[in-house]
Protein backbone atom coordinates (compact mmCIF):
# COMPACT_ATOMS: atom_id res chain seq x y z
CA UNK A 1 -428.51 92.91 -108.51
CA UNK A 2 -426.39 92.12 -105.46
CA UNK A 3 -424.71 95.52 -105.24
CA UNK A 4 -428.12 97.23 -105.09
CA UNK A 5 -429.71 94.98 -102.51
CA UNK A 6 -426.90 95.93 -100.12
CA UNK A 7 -427.84 99.62 -100.34
CA UNK A 8 -428.99 101.20 -97.09
CA UNK A 9 -428.89 104.83 -98.25
CA UNK A 10 -430.31 106.31 -101.45
CA UNK A 11 -428.46 109.62 -101.36
CA UNK A 12 -427.56 110.23 -105.01
CA UNK A 13 -423.93 110.68 -105.98
CA UNK A 14 -424.91 112.87 -108.95
CA UNK A 15 -426.91 116.07 -109.07
CA UNK A 16 -430.25 115.68 -110.88
CA UNK A 17 -429.01 117.93 -113.68
CA UNK A 18 -426.01 115.63 -114.27
CA UNK A 19 -428.34 112.65 -114.57
CA UNK A 20 -431.26 114.07 -116.55
CA UNK A 21 -430.52 117.64 -117.54
CA UNK A 22 -433.46 119.92 -116.81
CA UNK A 23 -435.91 117.07 -116.18
CA UNK A 24 -437.66 116.67 -112.84
CA UNK A 25 -439.04 113.20 -113.64
CA UNK A 26 -438.34 110.76 -110.84
CA UNK A 27 -437.81 113.47 -108.22
CA UNK A 28 -440.06 114.86 -105.51
CA UNK A 29 -440.25 118.05 -107.59
CA UNK A 30 -442.21 116.28 -110.34
CA UNK A 31 -445.80 117.53 -110.28
CA UNK A 32 -448.86 115.43 -109.67
CA UNK A 33 -451.40 115.79 -112.45
CA UNK A 34 -454.89 117.31 -112.40
CA UNK A 35 -458.16 115.78 -113.59
CA UNK A 36 -458.06 118.14 -116.55
CA UNK A 37 -456.56 121.50 -117.47
CA UNK A 38 -458.51 124.70 -117.81
CA UNK A 39 -458.54 126.86 -120.90
CA UNK A 40 -455.95 129.26 -119.49
CA UNK A 41 -454.25 127.57 -116.57
CA UNK A 42 -452.88 124.40 -115.03
CA UNK A 43 -455.38 123.65 -112.27
CA UNK A 44 -458.66 121.90 -112.98
CA UNK A 45 -461.52 124.30 -113.56
CA UNK A 46 -465.05 123.65 -112.34
CA UNK A 47 -466.43 122.91 -115.81
CA UNK A 48 -465.57 119.47 -117.18
CA UNK A 49 -464.11 120.09 -120.68
CA UNK A 50 -465.75 117.03 -122.25
CA UNK A 51 -469.16 117.76 -120.76
CA UNK A 52 -471.48 114.79 -120.22
CA UNK A 53 -469.34 112.36 -122.20
CA UNK A 54 -468.23 109.34 -120.19
CA UNK A 55 -466.04 106.33 -120.86
CA UNK A 56 -469.19 104.28 -121.31
CA UNK A 57 -471.49 106.53 -123.36
CA UNK A 58 -469.15 107.99 -126.01
CA UNK A 59 -467.38 106.35 -128.92
CA UNK A 60 -463.77 107.57 -128.49
CA UNK A 61 -463.13 107.33 -132.25
CA UNK A 62 -466.04 109.45 -133.44
CA UNK A 63 -467.46 111.47 -130.54
CA UNK A 64 -464.57 113.58 -129.29
CA UNK A 65 -465.54 117.05 -128.01
CA UNK A 66 -464.74 120.24 -129.90
CA UNK A 67 -463.06 122.40 -127.25
CA UNK A 68 -461.75 125.10 -129.65
CA UNK A 69 -458.54 125.14 -127.59
CA UNK A 70 -454.96 124.71 -128.84
CA UNK A 71 -452.16 123.66 -126.48
CA UNK A 72 -448.86 125.00 -127.78
CA UNK A 73 -445.36 123.66 -127.12
CA UNK A 74 -441.88 124.56 -128.30
CA UNK A 75 -439.29 121.77 -128.56
CA UNK A 76 -435.58 122.36 -128.95
CA UNK A 77 -433.93 119.07 -129.95
CA UNK A 78 -430.18 118.98 -129.32
CA UNK A 79 -427.31 116.89 -128.04
CA UNK A 80 -426.19 117.01 -124.42
CA UNK A 81 -423.91 115.05 -122.12
CA UNK A 82 -425.61 113.44 -119.12
CA UNK A 83 -425.34 110.24 -117.06
CA UNK A 84 -428.81 108.72 -116.44
CA UNK A 85 -427.29 105.69 -114.68
CA UNK A 86 -423.90 107.18 -113.83
CA UNK A 87 -422.31 106.32 -117.19
CA UNK A 88 -421.72 109.62 -118.96
CA UNK A 89 -422.62 109.79 -122.65
CA UNK A 90 -424.00 112.04 -125.37
CA UNK A 91 -427.81 111.94 -125.38
CA UNK A 92 -430.48 113.54 -127.56
CA UNK A 93 -432.49 115.94 -125.40
CA UNK A 94 -435.74 117.87 -125.73
CA UNK A 95 -435.43 121.30 -124.12
CA UNK A 96 -432.38 120.00 -122.29
CA UNK A 97 -434.40 117.21 -120.64
CA UNK A 98 -434.25 113.42 -120.55
CA UNK A 99 -436.88 112.07 -120.70
CA UNK A 100 -438.47 114.93 -122.57
CA UNK A 101 -441.12 117.31 -121.20
CA UNK A 102 -444.75 116.34 -120.72
CA UNK A 103 -447.35 117.31 -123.31
CA UNK A 104 -450.78 117.84 -121.73
CA UNK A 105 -454.17 118.38 -123.35
CA UNK A 106 -457.82 117.68 -122.76
CA UNK A 107 -459.77 115.30 -124.94
CA UNK A 108 -460.74 117.20 -128.11
CA UNK A 109 -458.06 119.91 -127.81
CA UNK A 110 -455.61 120.60 -130.59
CA UNK A 111 -451.91 120.14 -129.85
CA UNK A 112 -449.36 122.29 -131.65
CA UNK A 113 -445.65 121.55 -131.28
CA UNK A 114 -442.90 123.48 -133.02
CA UNK A 115 -439.80 121.29 -133.26
CA UNK A 116 -436.45 123.06 -133.73
CA UNK A 117 -433.77 120.65 -134.94
CA UNK A 118 -430.54 121.78 -133.32
CA UNK A 119 -428.69 118.51 -133.91
CA UNK A 120 -426.24 120.52 -135.94
CA UNK A 121 -423.00 118.79 -135.01
CA UNK A 122 -421.52 115.59 -133.74
CA UNK A 123 -422.64 114.79 -136.56
CA UNK A 124 -425.63 116.81 -137.88
CA UNK A 125 -428.80 114.73 -138.25
CA UNK A 126 -432.34 115.12 -139.46
CA UNK A 127 -435.25 114.32 -137.19
CA UNK A 128 -439.01 113.95 -137.06
CA UNK A 129 -441.32 113.41 -134.08
CA UNK A 130 -444.02 110.73 -134.11
CA UNK A 131 -446.98 111.19 -131.78
CA UNK A 132 -447.48 107.59 -130.78
CA UNK A 133 -451.10 106.43 -130.59
CA UNK A 134 -452.53 109.61 -132.13
CA UNK A 135 -454.75 108.66 -135.06
CA UNK A 136 -454.09 111.81 -137.11
CA UNK A 137 -457.53 111.54 -138.70
CA UNK A 138 -457.27 113.36 -142.03
CA UNK A 139 -453.93 114.90 -141.02
CA UNK A 140 -451.47 112.13 -142.06
CA UNK A 141 -448.74 114.71 -142.79
CA UNK A 142 -448.55 115.33 -139.02
CA UNK A 143 -447.67 111.68 -138.20
CA UNK A 144 -443.96 112.49 -137.94
CA UNK A 145 -442.47 109.55 -139.86
CA UNK A 146 -439.64 110.72 -142.15
CA UNK A 147 -439.74 109.04 -145.55
CA UNK A 148 -443.43 108.18 -145.14
CA UNK A 149 -445.40 111.25 -144.05
CA UNK A 150 -442.72 113.95 -144.34
CA UNK A 151 -439.12 114.73 -145.16
CA UNK A 152 -436.85 114.91 -142.11
CA UNK A 153 -436.48 118.27 -140.41
CA UNK A 154 -433.05 119.41 -141.54
CA UNK A 155 -430.44 120.52 -138.98
CA UNK A 156 -430.99 124.15 -138.09
CA UNK A 157 -434.59 124.10 -139.37
CA UNK A 158 -438.00 123.89 -137.68
CA UNK A 159 -441.38 122.30 -138.33
CA UNK A 160 -444.70 122.83 -136.57
CA UNK A 161 -446.99 119.84 -135.99
CA UNK A 162 -450.69 120.42 -135.35
CA UNK A 163 -453.18 117.64 -134.59
CA UNK A 164 -456.23 116.86 -132.50
CA UNK A 165 -456.24 114.87 -129.27
CA UNK A 166 -458.85 112.43 -130.55
CA UNK A 167 -458.22 109.71 -127.96
CA UNK A 168 -457.67 110.23 -124.24
CA UNK A 169 -455.24 108.52 -121.92
CA UNK A 170 -451.47 108.07 -121.62
CA UNK A 171 -449.07 107.99 -124.55
CA UNK A 172 -445.69 109.25 -125.67
CA UNK A 173 -443.81 110.95 -128.48
CA UNK A 174 -440.52 109.83 -129.99
CA UNK A 175 -438.25 110.39 -132.93
CA UNK A 176 -439.01 108.21 -135.94
CA UNK A 177 -435.77 109.04 -137.74
CA UNK A 178 -433.83 105.77 -137.85
CA UNK A 179 -433.41 104.45 -134.28
CA UNK A 180 -432.89 107.97 -132.94
CA UNK A 181 -435.31 107.59 -130.04
CA UNK A 182 -432.94 104.97 -128.59
CA UNK A 183 -430.57 107.88 -128.04
CA UNK A 184 -433.03 109.61 -125.69
CA UNK A 185 -435.39 111.55 -127.97
CA UNK A 186 -438.74 110.72 -126.36
CA UNK A 187 -441.19 111.98 -123.74
CA UNK A 188 -444.69 111.47 -122.31
CA UNK A 189 -448.12 112.68 -123.39
CA UNK A 190 -451.26 112.80 -121.24
CA UNK A 191 -454.67 113.56 -122.73
CA UNK A 192 -457.16 114.07 -119.92
CA UNK A 193 -460.55 112.49 -120.42
CA UNK A 194 -463.32 110.58 -118.65
CA UNK A 195 -462.56 107.56 -116.48
CA UNK A 196 -464.76 104.90 -114.96
CA UNK A 197 -462.41 104.38 -111.98
CA UNK A 198 -462.06 106.68 -108.99
CA UNK A 199 -458.64 107.71 -107.68
CA UNK A 200 -457.26 110.49 -105.47
CA UNK A 201 -453.77 111.28 -106.77
CA UNK A 202 -452.36 111.15 -110.31
CA UNK A 203 -448.61 110.58 -110.03
CA UNK A 204 -448.26 111.05 -113.79
CA UNK A 205 -446.04 109.21 -116.25
CA UNK A 206 -443.59 106.55 -115.11
CA UNK A 207 -441.38 105.81 -118.10
CA UNK A 208 -439.41 102.56 -118.20
CA UNK A 209 -436.84 101.83 -120.86
CA UNK A 210 -433.82 99.71 -121.61
CA UNK A 211 -430.68 101.83 -121.91
CA UNK A 212 -427.64 101.58 -124.14
CA UNK A 213 -424.26 103.08 -123.33
CA UNK A 214 -423.08 103.18 -126.91
CA UNK A 215 -424.59 105.68 -129.35
CA UNK A 216 -427.71 104.47 -131.15
CA UNK A 217 -426.02 104.88 -134.52
CA UNK A 218 -423.19 102.57 -133.44
CA UNK A 219 -425.74 99.93 -132.41
CA UNK A 220 -427.53 100.27 -135.75
CA UNK A 221 -424.24 99.78 -137.58
CA UNK A 222 -423.53 96.69 -135.50
CA UNK A 223 -426.91 95.07 -136.08
CA UNK A 224 -426.78 95.87 -139.80
CA UNK A 225 -423.23 94.58 -140.27
CA UNK A 226 -422.25 91.21 -141.76
CA UNK A 227 -421.65 88.67 -139.04
CA UNK A 228 -424.21 90.11 -136.61
CA UNK A 229 -425.87 87.25 -134.73
CA UNK A 230 -429.28 88.85 -134.32
CA UNK A 231 -429.18 89.93 -130.65
CA UNK A 232 -428.08 93.31 -129.29
CA UNK A 233 -427.67 93.63 -125.50
CA UNK A 234 -428.74 96.72 -123.56
CA UNK A 235 -426.57 97.91 -120.65
CA UNK A 236 -429.20 98.93 -118.12
CA UNK A 237 -432.87 99.53 -117.36
CA UNK A 238 -434.24 102.93 -116.30
CA UNK A 239 -437.29 104.26 -114.46
CA UNK A 240 -438.04 107.89 -115.37
CA UNK A 241 -434.52 108.19 -116.74
CA UNK A 242 -432.71 107.03 -113.59
CA UNK A 243 -430.95 103.93 -112.28
CA UNK A 244 -427.60 102.96 -110.82
CA UNK A 245 -424.89 101.17 -112.76
CA UNK A 246 -422.01 99.15 -111.39
CA UNK A 247 -419.06 101.03 -112.85
CA UNK A 248 -416.77 98.04 -112.35
CA UNK A 249 -418.58 96.53 -115.32
CA UNK A 250 -417.48 99.24 -117.75
CA UNK A 251 -415.67 97.53 -120.59
CA UNK A 252 -411.91 97.35 -120.84
CA UNK A 253 -410.58 100.33 -122.78
CA UNK A 254 -413.74 102.39 -122.23
CA UNK A 255 -412.56 105.72 -120.81
CA UNK A 256 -416.02 107.23 -120.32
CA UNK A 257 -416.65 108.81 -116.94
CA UNK A 258 -418.76 106.60 -114.67
CA UNK A 259 -420.18 107.33 -111.20
CA UNK A 260 -421.53 104.64 -108.89
CA UNK A 261 -424.83 105.20 -107.05
CA UNK A 262 -425.90 107.91 -109.50
CA UNK A 263 -429.43 108.00 -108.07
CA UNK A 264 -432.81 106.29 -108.37
CA UNK A 265 -436.25 107.70 -109.09
CA UNK A 266 -438.39 108.44 -106.04
CA UNK A 267 -442.14 108.82 -105.56
CA UNK A 268 -444.47 109.59 -102.64
CA UNK A 269 -447.64 107.77 -101.59
CA UNK A 270 -450.30 109.27 -99.33
CA UNK A 271 -451.70 106.78 -96.82
CA UNK A 272 -455.15 105.48 -97.62
CA UNK A 273 -455.39 107.22 -100.98
CA UNK A 274 -455.72 105.69 -104.44
CA UNK A 275 -452.90 106.66 -106.81
CA UNK A 276 -452.95 106.58 -110.60
CA UNK A 277 -449.66 105.59 -112.22
CA UNK A 278 -449.19 105.90 -115.99
CA UNK A 279 -446.57 103.35 -117.08
CA UNK A 280 -444.96 103.87 -120.50
CA UNK A 281 -442.43 101.47 -122.02
CA UNK A 282 -440.29 103.68 -124.27
CA UNK A 283 -437.57 101.09 -124.66
CA UNK A 284 -435.81 100.01 -127.82
CA UNK A 285 -436.25 96.30 -127.25
CA UNK A 286 -437.01 95.36 -123.63
CA UNK A 287 -440.24 93.67 -122.55
CA UNK A 288 -440.96 94.86 -119.00
CA UNK A 289 -442.74 93.34 -115.97
CA UNK A 290 -443.65 95.96 -113.36
CA UNK A 291 -444.57 95.50 -109.71
CA UNK A 292 -444.70 97.35 -106.38
CA UNK A 293 -443.73 95.34 -103.34
CA UNK A 294 -446.66 94.61 -100.99
CA UNK A 295 -449.14 96.56 -103.17
CA UNK A 296 -451.82 95.53 -105.65
CA UNK A 297 -452.09 97.31 -109.00
CA UNK A 298 -455.48 97.45 -110.76
CA UNK A 299 -455.20 97.98 -114.52
CA UNK A 300 -457.62 100.67 -115.73
CA UNK A 301 -456.28 101.32 -119.26
CA UNK A 302 -454.19 99.61 -121.94
CA UNK A 303 -452.59 101.78 -124.62
CA UNK A 304 -454.35 104.89 -125.35
CA UNK A 305 -447.11 96.02 -124.56
CA UNK A 306 -446.37 100.06 -124.25
CA UNK A 307 -448.74 101.92 -121.97
CA UNK A 308 -450.66 100.66 -118.98
CA UNK A 309 -452.46 102.87 -116.45
CA UNK A 310 -453.00 101.39 -112.99
CA UNK A 311 -454.57 102.47 -109.72
CA UNK A 312 -452.79 101.53 -106.48
CA UNK A 313 -454.33 101.93 -103.01
CA UNK A 314 -451.74 103.12 -100.48
CA UNK A 315 -452.29 100.46 -97.83
CA UNK A 316 -448.69 100.22 -96.61
CA UNK A 317 -447.07 101.23 -93.35
CA UNK A 318 -447.17 105.09 -93.15
CA UNK A 319 -443.54 105.09 -91.96
CA UNK A 320 -442.19 102.71 -94.58
CA UNK A 321 -440.84 102.69 -98.12
CA UNK A 322 -441.32 100.12 -100.88
CA UNK A 323 -439.54 99.17 -104.09
CA UNK A 324 -441.13 99.76 -107.46
CA UNK A 325 -439.54 97.21 -109.80
CA UNK A 326 -439.25 97.02 -113.58
CA UNK A 327 -437.71 93.74 -114.68
CA UNK A 328 -437.10 92.87 -118.29
CA UNK A 329 -438.39 89.43 -119.16
CA UNK A 330 -436.38 86.46 -120.32
CA UNK A 331 -437.21 87.29 -123.94
CA UNK A 332 -435.23 90.54 -123.71
CA UNK A 333 -431.49 90.75 -124.33
CA UNK A 334 -430.05 92.72 -121.44
CA UNK A 335 -426.78 92.74 -119.54
CA UNK A 336 -428.57 94.28 -116.54
CA UNK A 337 -432.32 93.62 -116.83
CA UNK A 338 -433.84 95.21 -113.73
CA UNK A 339 -434.61 98.74 -112.53
CA UNK A 340 -435.62 100.04 -109.13
CA UNK A 341 -437.38 103.13 -107.84
CA UNK A 342 -438.38 103.96 -104.28
CA UNK A 343 -441.90 104.79 -103.08
CA UNK A 344 -442.04 106.61 -99.74
CA UNK A 345 -444.97 107.11 -97.40
CA UNK A 346 -445.29 110.39 -95.52
CA UNK A 347 -443.50 109.18 -92.38
CA UNK A 348 -440.62 107.39 -94.12
CA UNK A 349 -436.98 108.46 -94.21
CA UNK A 350 -436.56 109.51 -97.85
CA UNK A 351 -432.80 108.94 -97.76
CA UNK A 352 -433.11 105.31 -96.64
CA UNK A 353 -433.40 102.44 -99.08
CA UNK A 354 -436.58 100.35 -98.89
CA UNK A 355 -436.23 96.92 -97.33
CA UNK A 356 -439.33 95.40 -98.95
CA UNK A 357 -439.23 92.09 -100.79
CA UNK A 358 -440.58 91.34 -104.28
CA UNK A 359 -443.68 89.38 -105.15
CA UNK A 360 -443.02 85.74 -105.94
CA UNK A 361 -444.45 85.73 -109.46
CA UNK A 362 -442.19 83.85 -111.90
CA UNK A 363 -441.65 85.11 -115.43
CA UNK A 364 -444.03 83.01 -117.57
CA UNK A 365 -441.57 83.19 -120.46
CA UNK A 366 -444.33 83.56 -123.05
CA UNK A 367 -443.11 86.96 -124.34
CA UNK A 368 -446.75 87.88 -125.01
CA UNK A 369 -449.47 90.25 -123.85
CA UNK A 370 -452.04 89.11 -121.32
CA UNK A 371 -454.70 86.68 -122.45
CA UNK A 372 -457.39 88.44 -124.48
CA UNK A 373 -460.08 87.12 -122.13
CA UNK A 374 -458.73 89.12 -119.18
CA UNK A 375 -459.61 92.64 -120.34
CA UNK A 376 -462.07 94.26 -122.70
CA UNK A 377 -462.76 97.86 -123.77
CA UNK A 378 -465.15 99.77 -121.53
CA UNK A 379 -466.95 101.20 -124.56
CA UNK A 380 -468.03 98.23 -126.72
CA UNK A 381 -467.53 98.26 -130.49
CA UNK A 382 -468.53 95.11 -132.39
CA UNK A 383 -466.20 93.71 -135.03
CA UNK A 384 -467.19 94.60 -138.62
CA UNK A 385 -466.92 92.21 -141.55
CA UNK A 386 -463.48 92.19 -143.12
CA UNK A 387 -463.36 93.13 -146.81
CA UNK A 388 -459.71 92.11 -147.29
CA UNK A 389 -457.51 89.52 -145.59
CA UNK A 390 -453.76 90.10 -145.71
CA UNK A 391 -451.35 87.29 -144.80
CA UNK A 392 -447.95 88.57 -143.65
CA UNK A 393 -445.18 86.25 -142.52
CA UNK A 394 -442.16 87.50 -140.55
CA UNK A 395 -438.68 86.38 -141.55
CA UNK A 396 -435.03 87.03 -140.71
CA UNK A 397 -432.30 86.44 -143.26
CA UNK A 398 -428.95 87.60 -144.60
CA UNK A 399 -428.72 89.40 -147.90
CA UNK A 400 -426.04 88.86 -150.54
CA UNK A 401 -423.64 91.10 -148.61
CA UNK A 402 -424.16 89.14 -145.39
CA UNK A 403 -426.18 91.87 -143.69
CA UNK A 404 -428.79 90.70 -141.19
CA UNK A 405 -432.29 91.86 -142.21
CA UNK A 406 -435.91 91.42 -141.19
CA UNK A 407 -438.82 91.21 -143.61
CA UNK A 408 -442.58 91.49 -143.34
CA UNK A 409 -444.64 89.88 -146.06
CA UNK A 410 -441.50 88.91 -147.97
CA UNK A 411 -439.98 92.41 -148.21
CA UNK A 412 -437.24 94.06 -146.16
CA UNK A 413 -438.35 97.66 -146.48
CA UNK A 414 -436.59 101.00 -146.82
CA UNK A 415 -437.82 104.60 -147.12
CA UNK A 416 -436.54 107.50 -149.21
CA UNK A 417 -436.12 110.53 -146.94
CA UNK A 418 -436.13 112.87 -149.96
CA UNK A 419 -439.35 111.51 -151.45
CA UNK A 420 -441.97 110.65 -148.77
CA UNK A 421 -444.62 108.13 -149.77
CA UNK A 422 -447.50 110.43 -148.79
CA UNK A 423 -446.33 113.13 -151.18
CA UNK A 424 -445.89 110.56 -153.94
CA UNK A 425 -449.52 109.45 -153.60
CA UNK A 426 -450.68 113.06 -153.31
CA UNK A 427 -448.99 113.65 -156.68
CA UNK A 428 -450.71 110.58 -158.18
CA UNK A 429 -447.46 108.61 -158.34
CA UNK A 430 -448.07 104.93 -157.61
CA UNK A 431 -444.84 103.61 -159.14
CA UNK A 432 -443.40 102.54 -155.81
CA UNK A 433 -440.00 100.95 -155.52
CA UNK A 434 -440.66 97.36 -154.36
CA UNK A 435 -438.35 97.84 -151.36
CA UNK A 436 -440.76 100.46 -149.98
CA UNK A 437 -443.19 97.58 -149.23
CA UNK A 438 -446.27 99.68 -150.03
CA UNK A 439 -449.63 97.91 -150.18
CA UNK A 440 -452.57 99.83 -151.62
CA UNK A 441 -455.79 98.70 -149.94
CA UNK A 442 -457.89 101.03 -152.09
CA UNK A 443 -461.40 101.57 -150.77
CA UNK A 444 -461.57 98.42 -148.64
CA UNK A 445 -463.08 99.50 -145.34
CA UNK A 446 -461.84 96.75 -143.04
CA UNK A 447 -458.58 94.81 -143.39
CA UNK A 448 -457.77 91.62 -141.47
CA UNK A 449 -454.08 90.82 -140.97
CA UNK A 450 -452.85 87.32 -140.19
CA UNK A 451 -449.26 87.66 -139.03
CA UNK A 452 -447.24 84.47 -138.48
CA UNK A 453 -443.89 84.63 -136.69
CA UNK A 454 -441.69 81.56 -137.31
CA UNK A 455 -438.73 83.25 -135.58
CA UNK A 456 -437.44 82.95 -131.97
CA UNK A 457 -437.97 86.67 -131.27
CA UNK A 458 -441.12 88.45 -130.01
CA UNK A 459 -442.31 91.45 -132.01
CA UNK A 460 -444.47 94.34 -130.72
CA UNK A 461 -446.49 95.17 -133.85
CA UNK A 462 -447.53 98.82 -134.10
CA UNK A 463 -449.95 100.34 -136.61
CA UNK A 464 -449.97 104.09 -137.25
CA UNK A 465 -453.20 106.00 -137.91
CA UNK A 466 -455.51 103.33 -136.48
CA UNK A 467 -456.30 101.16 -133.53
CA UNK A 468 -456.32 97.42 -134.18
CA UNK A 469 -458.99 94.97 -133.12
CA UNK A 470 -457.04 92.10 -131.53
CA UNK A 471 -458.77 88.91 -132.64
CA UNK A 472 -456.38 86.07 -131.88
CA UNK A 473 -452.93 85.39 -130.47
CA UNK A 474 -451.09 82.19 -129.69
CA UNK A 475 -448.33 79.73 -130.54
CA UNK A 476 -447.64 78.42 -134.03
CA UNK A 477 -449.21 79.56 -137.27
CA UNK A 478 -452.82 80.68 -137.26
CA UNK A 479 -454.89 77.82 -138.64
CA UNK A 480 -458.29 78.51 -137.13
CA UNK A 481 -461.35 80.66 -137.67
CA UNK A 482 -461.85 81.37 -133.98
CA UNK A 483 -461.59 84.99 -132.81
CA UNK A 484 -461.82 86.45 -129.33
CA UNK A 485 -465.05 88.22 -128.31
CA UNK A 486 -466.29 89.52 -131.70
CA UNK A 487 -468.97 91.59 -129.93
CA UNK A 488 -466.25 93.74 -128.29
CA UNK A 489 -462.69 92.74 -129.18
CA UNK A 490 -459.66 94.28 -127.50
CA UNK A 491 -458.41 97.44 -129.25
CA UNK A 492 -454.77 98.54 -129.20
CA UNK A 493 -452.19 100.32 -131.35
CA UNK A 494 -449.49 97.79 -130.34
CA UNK A 495 -449.84 94.02 -129.98
CA UNK A 496 -447.10 91.52 -129.23
CA UNK A 497 -446.66 88.48 -131.46
CA UNK A 498 -444.83 85.87 -129.43
CA UNK A 499 -441.86 83.80 -130.63
CA UNK A 500 -442.96 81.05 -133.01
CA UNK A 501 -446.48 82.41 -132.70
CA UNK A 502 -449.14 84.46 -134.47
CA UNK A 503 -451.54 87.36 -134.13
CA UNK A 504 -454.72 88.15 -136.02
CA UNK A 505 -455.74 91.81 -136.02
CA UNK A 506 -458.26 93.87 -137.94
CA UNK A 507 -458.15 97.53 -138.94
CA UNK A 508 -460.91 99.95 -139.96
CA UNK A 509 -459.30 101.43 -143.08
CA UNK A 510 -461.29 104.67 -142.97
CA UNK A 511 -458.50 107.18 -142.30
CA UNK A 512 -457.02 108.26 -145.68
CA UNK A 513 -453.25 108.21 -145.53
CA UNK A 514 -450.04 106.20 -145.68
CA UNK A 515 -449.64 104.35 -142.41
CA UNK A 516 -446.63 102.25 -141.32
CA UNK A 517 -447.23 98.81 -139.81
CA UNK A 518 -444.02 97.73 -138.12
CA UNK A 519 -442.20 96.00 -135.32
CA UNK A 520 -441.45 98.51 -132.57
CA UNK A 521 -438.12 96.96 -131.63
CA UNK A 522 -435.83 99.72 -132.85
CA UNK A 523 -433.23 97.42 -134.39
CA UNK A 524 -435.86 95.33 -136.19
CA UNK A 525 -437.45 98.39 -137.77
CA UNK A 526 -433.95 99.55 -138.75
CA UNK A 527 -433.41 96.19 -140.44
CA UNK A 528 -436.48 96.62 -142.66
CA UNK A 529 -439.32 95.17 -140.58
CA UNK A 530 -442.27 97.25 -141.79
CA UNK A 531 -444.93 97.73 -144.41
CA UNK A 532 -446.72 100.87 -145.60
CA UNK A 533 -450.53 100.75 -145.76
CA UNK A 534 -452.31 103.01 -148.26
CA UNK A 535 -455.94 103.72 -147.37
CA UNK A 536 -458.36 105.56 -149.69
CA UNK A 537 -455.85 106.99 -152.19
CA UNK A 538 -458.48 109.07 -154.00
CA UNK A 539 -459.15 110.90 -150.75
CA UNK A 540 -455.40 111.44 -150.20
CA UNK A 541 -455.17 113.24 -153.53
CA UNK A 542 -457.84 115.70 -152.34
CA UNK A 543 -455.86 116.76 -149.27
CA UNK A 544 -454.65 120.34 -149.00
CA UNK A 545 -451.30 119.54 -147.42
CA UNK A 546 -449.79 122.61 -145.71
CA UNK A 547 -447.03 124.42 -147.58
CA UNK A 548 -444.70 123.78 -144.64
CA UNK A 549 -444.45 120.13 -145.73
CA UNK A 550 -443.01 121.11 -149.10
CA UNK A 551 -440.68 123.62 -147.44
CA UNK A 552 -439.39 120.92 -145.11
CA UNK A 553 -438.52 118.81 -148.17
CA UNK A 554 -436.79 121.76 -149.86
CA UNK A 555 -434.77 122.34 -146.69
CA UNK A 556 -433.87 118.65 -146.51
CA UNK A 557 -432.91 118.56 -150.18
CA UNK A 558 -430.64 121.56 -149.67
CA UNK A 559 -429.02 119.93 -146.63
CA UNK A 560 -428.41 116.61 -148.41
CA UNK A 561 -426.77 118.38 -151.34
CA UNK A 562 -424.14 119.57 -148.87
CA UNK A 563 -424.04 116.60 -146.48
CA UNK A 564 -424.94 113.10 -147.65
CA UNK A 565 -426.62 111.27 -144.74
CA UNK A 566 -425.19 107.82 -144.13
CA UNK A 567 -428.53 105.99 -144.22
CA UNK A 568 -427.25 102.58 -143.27
CA UNK A 569 -430.67 101.26 -142.21
CA UNK A 570 -434.29 101.32 -143.39
CA UNK A 571 -434.74 104.90 -142.20
CA UNK A 572 -437.66 104.03 -139.95
């Protein structure tokens, strides 16, 4: 950190296009966001799209508005060479941007995204985009998980996703093909909806992520190889795709181009106004602690962990600048664990580096989410009775070949890209290979999961297709009956289980589909750390799955007859 604290000037050595392609994230050209978008334009219209619904009077899972509006996007996924922190490398881009472009919709809108896979060389790869936090109620084929809900989109082919914005808030999209999102294939999503907190300016998404200089596929090969010791180290930490890197630390023999003082992200505060900031952790492994020097952040939303919305009152000196800091915690494996961005007031010199000092708040070292007593959902939903309790222990081990693997519930899982689980169930095929780790919960309406983690690593557990009631967290194995606030438990789609600890979560199994339940550390999922949940199989068989799903599989089959993908990991 020493070389950064000596900075007095923040003039970037690289042009924005060299750092992030066509992206404006982290620059003064990035737009502030409206309260909502009109039916035919960007600015907020007079009529509130969700009518009289508020955060307190409407169940977000059942009472979304029907706006009859579709927001359409076109994504070109391709390789490009950029240098987010000054170290030049090949990155996966969406429309030439890193991070990818913003998807915007109002609560109740439909979102339609046509994804064109132009990863046709270097080498060619399949892809599939997961819309993180979107429930996909009765549209499980739109979940974007190759091998589970679809076949991968073959190189040179396209697929159109269409789904409803059922929940409102901040989220993100990312590739779910192997660990591909670690190579840059991700971007933010904002669904405008009611809020119970007033603010003046919405600064939009602030994406933080650990960053790896080697290609994601190389990292996967390393963590899957015999002799791997279970810890992969990131090279840097980014805020909206930007950070500096000390090029003297480039490894011996590495001939990649590297530029010092590449450039940091910058934001503007307006004196006296309340600003909404939408933090998204899109990292592969890093657990982040975020702060703004001399400013207080009030949390107004968790998820839709990975997403936290805060409101910050601009009470600083109108002629000053302040550091925004993202520091990876001690439970992350990072060579360079911190990131900086600059926040400027209207009278500040925007080329000068802030001189502010950080808050003195030590890392608690718990590698866990905040205590469940601190926050609760604004709209209360009482906990239903569980009809099934599933015990799932986490384990790490080496197989007979010496490869390092993770397992959940005793199985290190793997998907078949050519035969997605959803299509198997649709065709009444329940003869699952044991390594798929499929659990059929039948017609049980509420499933309680007790997950014990006797390993020294934290695990952000993510469930697709549902939100989880978070009932208990803590050290050791769960050996109690106590649960937190059963009248209104915390609800999230990701919950951290701490090292040598446990979580107890419950899921309303009312959304027919095949839904992954997995660790969101990219390398852990690659090493088999997931299960597939089958809810209401009789309803799945009644689905009229669009013909485009079958065509995507035919295209993938044709591609794999010519090029055999080297699926060295679980596929997830």
